[in-house]
Amino acid sequence: MRLAILDRDGVINHDSNQFVKGPDEFRMIAGSAEAIARLNHAGYHVVVATNQSGVGRRLFDMATLNAIHEKMMRLVAQAGGRIDAVFFCPCAAEANCECRKPRAGMFREISERFGVDLAGAPSVGDSLRDLQASAEVGARPILVLTGKGRKTRDAGGLPPGTVICADLAEAVKQLVE
């Protein structure tokens, strides 16, 4: 099974310093839904792995988070694609849990649930913590320059072998060609 792991905010949709707190605030980055469809058509299963500390901070509840993800899946489906699963950490940063990126607990759960080794699996993110979690399980870190990606690139310290792409569409183009 070919599996691609995508961060959500800043990769699939526009990020917000104030958190995406509802479906009305969820806006796709141009070309991201089509890029996910292109991954699917190339034989990839697509999984989203996202920190959602807004739940732990009580900025929004689980029903709202589910509504956001339903909107994301609907927009991807309208472009001819699908997201096979969404894994998320609802904990605030101070909880210091194992599932919150940069720790790799979420990635280990993905590996276990799908029964696949993540070594070499493409993992796309816009922050250092996304890339660090990817690297910890041997996945292939891909930094996109959308969201916080430019700041992440400019700060340096990227895991060895990190590929840098303008956006998800460019990353997918490189993966499938």
Protein backbone atom coordinates (compact mmCIF):
# COMPACT_ATOMS: atom_id res chain seq x y z
CA MET A 1 0.00 0.00 0.00
CA ARG A 2 1.26 3.45 -0.89
CA LEU A 3 0.44 6.00 1.79
CA ALA A 4 0.92 9.78 1.82
CA ILE A 5 0.62 11.75 5.06
CA LEU A 6 -0.45 15.39 4.92
CA ASP A 7 -0.60 18.04 7.59
CA ARG A 8 -3.83 20.04 7.39
CA ASP A 9 -3.45 23.74 8.23
CA GLY A 10 -1.00 25.44 5.89
CA VAL A 11 -0.81 22.45 3.53
CA ILE A 12 -4.41 21.67 2.52
CA ASN A 13 -6.11 24.82 3.78
CA HIS A 14 -5.11 28.34 4.69
CA ASP A 15 -3.74 28.53 8.22
CA SER A 16 -4.76 31.07 10.83
CA ASN A 17 -2.79 32.37 13.81
CA GLN A 18 -6.14 32.38 15.63
CA PHE A 19 -6.89 28.72 14.68
CA VAL A 20 -9.43 27.54 12.16
CA LYS A 21 -12.35 27.43 14.59
CA GLY A 22 -15.24 26.44 12.34
CA PRO A 23 -16.18 25.20 8.88
CA ASP A 24 -16.83 28.78 7.72
CA GLU A 25 -13.14 29.61 8.44
CA PHE A 26 -11.86 26.56 6.53
CA ARG A 27 -10.60 27.71 3.10
CA MET A 28 -8.76 25.36 0.76
CA ILE A 29 -5.43 26.45 -0.71
CA ALA A 30 -5.85 26.67 -4.47
CA GLY A 31 -4.98 23.35 -6.10
CA SER A 32 -4.79 21.31 -2.89
CA ALA A 33 -8.01 19.33 -3.41
CA GLU A 34 -6.96 18.51 -6.97
CA ALA A 35 -3.51 17.50 -5.73
CA ILE A 36 -5.07 15.03 -3.29
CA ALA A 37 -7.19 13.61 -6.12
CA ARG A 38 -4.05 13.25 -8.21
CA LEU A 39 -2.39 11.30 -5.38
CA ASN A 40 -5.41 9.00 -5.20
CA HIS A 41 -5.39 8.42 -8.94
CA ALA A 42 -1.69 7.52 -8.71
CA GLY A 43 -2.54 4.80 -6.18
CA TYR A 44 -1.87 6.60 -2.91
CA HIS A 45 -4.03 6.39 0.18
CA VAL A 46 -4.09 9.85 1.76
CA VAL A 47 -4.09 10.39 5.51
CA VAL A 48 -4.19 13.72 7.34
CA ALA A 49 -2.16 14.06 10.57
CA THR A 50 -2.87 17.32 12.37
CA ASN A 51 -2.35 18.96 15.75
CA GLN A 52 -5.64 20.52 16.84
CA SER A 53 -4.88 22.12 20.20
CA GLY A 54 -7.89 24.39 19.75
CA VAL A 55 -9.94 21.49 21.14
CA GLY A 56 -7.74 21.22 24.24
CA ARG A 57 -7.84 24.99 24.66
CA ARG A 58 -11.64 24.89 24.40
CA LEU A 59 -11.70 27.24 21.38
CA PHE A 60 -13.98 24.73 19.63
CA ASP A 61 -15.43 21.33 20.41
CA MET A 62 -15.24 17.91 18.76
CA ALA A 63 -18.49 18.43 16.86
CA THR A 64 -17.00 21.57 15.29
CA LEU A 65 -13.74 19.79 14.46
CA ASN A 66 -15.75 17.00 12.82
CA ALA A 67 -17.71 19.59 10.81
CA ILE A 68 -14.44 21.16 9.62
CA HIS A 69 -13.14 17.76 8.52
CA GLU A 70 -16.44 16.91 6.81
CA LYS A 71 -16.14 20.13 4.79
CA MET A 72 -12.53 19.28 3.87
CA MET A 73 -13.52 15.78 2.74
CA ARG A 74 -16.48 17.11 0.75
CA LEU A 75 -14.28 19.64 -1.10
CA VAL A 76 -11.70 16.96 -1.87
CA ALA A 77 -14.45 14.61 -3.10
CA GLN A 78 -15.78 17.36 -5.38
CA ALA A 79 -12.32 17.44 -6.98
CA GLY A 80 -12.44 13.67 -7.51
CA GLY A 81 -10.32 12.62 -4.54
CA ARG A 82 -10.63 11.20 -1.07
CA ILE A 83 -8.95 11.39 2.30
CA ASP A 84 -8.86 7.90 3.80
CA ALA A 85 -8.49 9.00 7.44
CA VAL A 86 -7.88 12.01 9.64
CA PHE A 87 -5.68 11.56 12.70
CA PHE A 88 -5.45 14.44 15.14
CA CYS A 89 -4.06 15.39 18.51
CA PRO A 90 -6.58 17.49 20.47
CA CYS A 91 -4.14 18.25 23.29
CA ALA A 92 -2.75 21.66 24.14
CA ALA A 93 1.04 21.94 23.85
CA GLU A 94 1.55 21.97 27.62
CA ALA A 95 -0.04 18.48 27.86
CA ASN A 96 3.27 17.14 26.53
CA CYS A 97 1.53 14.09 25.03
CA GLU A 98 3.07 11.51 22.70
CA CYS A 99 0.64 12.12 19.83
CA ARG A 100 1.33 15.84 19.39
CA LYS A 101 3.83 16.61 16.64
CA PRO A 102 6.87 16.90 16.76
CA ARG A 103 6.51 13.59 18.61
CA ALA A 104 5.64 10.70 16.35
CA GLY A 105 2.82 8.99 18.25
CA MET A 106 0.24 9.97 15.61
CA PHE A 107 2.48 8.57 12.88
CA ARG A 108 2.96 5.30 14.78
CA GLU A 109 -0.81 5.02 15.13
CA ILE A 110 -1.21 5.56 11.37
CA SER A 111 1.36 2.84 10.72
CA GLU A 112 -0.40 0.44 13.07
CA ARG A 113 -3.93 1.13 11.82
CA PHE A 114 -2.96 0.80 8.16
CA GLY A 115 -0.51 -2.04 8.73
CA VAL A 116 2.30 -0.31 6.84
CA ASP A 117 5.87 0.68 7.52
CA LEU A 118 6.16 4.44 7.02
CA ALA A 119 9.81 4.26 5.91
CA GLY A 120 10.03 6.36 2.76
CA ALA A 121 6.36 7.37 2.79
CA PRO A 122 5.91 10.98 1.67
CA SER A 123 4.89 13.26 4.53
CA VAL A 124 4.01 16.85 3.68
CA GLY A 125 4.02 19.68 6.21
CA ASP A 126 4.64 23.38 6.60
CA SER A 127 6.28 23.41 10.03
CA LEU A 128 9.42 21.98 11.55
CA ARG A 129 7.38 19.83 13.94
CA ASP A 130 5.65 18.16 10.95
CA LEU A 131 9.01 17.33 9.43
CA GLN A 132 10.50 16.12 12.72
CA ALA A 133 7.63 13.70 13.34
CA SER A 134 8.01 12.41 9.77
CA ALA A 135 11.74 11.91 10.13
CA GLU A 136 11.36 10.10 13.45
CA VAL A 137 9.47 7.25 11.75
CA GLY A 138 11.61 7.25 8.61
CA ALA A 139 9.01 8.93 6.41
CA ARG A 140 10.20 11.27 3.64
CA PRO A 141 9.76 14.88 4.89
CA ILE A 142 8.45 17.35 2.32
CA LEU A 143 8.19 21.03 3.25
CA VAL A 144 5.69 23.21 1.40
CA LEU A 145 6.15 26.97 1.38
CA THR A 146 2.46 27.66 1.99
CA GLY A 147 1.24 28.33 5.53
CA LYS A 148 4.27 28.64 7.82
CA GLY A 149 6.54 26.96 5.26
CA ARG A 150 8.63 30.00 4.28
CA LYS A 151 9.37 30.80 7.94
CA THR A 152 10.24 27.15 8.55
CA ARG A 153 12.62 27.06 5.57
CA ASP A 154 14.26 30.34 6.55
CA ALA A 155 14.77 29.24 10.17
CA GLY A 156 16.78 26.23 8.99
CA GLY A 157 17.44 23.06 10.95
CA LEU A 158 15.37 20.91 8.60
CA PRO A 159 15.75 17.13 8.87
CA PRO A 160 18.27 15.69 6.40
CA GLY A 161 16.75 14.89 3.03
CA THR A 162 13.84 17.32 3.35
CA VAL A 163 12.44 18.19 -0.06
CA ILE A 164 11.10 21.75 -0.46
CA CYS A 165 8.14 22.49 -2.77
CA ALA A 166 6.11 25.62 -3.43
CA ASP A 167 2.84 23.96 -2.43
CA LEU A 168 1.02 20.63 -2.22
CA ALA A 169 0.34 20.61 -5.97
CA GLU A 170 4.07 20.83 -6.73
CA ALA A 171 4.89 18.16 -4.13
CA VAL A 172 2.33 15.79 -5.65
CA LYS A 173 3.59 16.49 -9.16
CA GLN A 174 7.08 15.41 -8.06
CA LEU A 175 5.71 12.28 -6.36
CA VAL A 176 3.64 11.01 -9.27
CA GLU A 177 5.93 11.89 -12.19
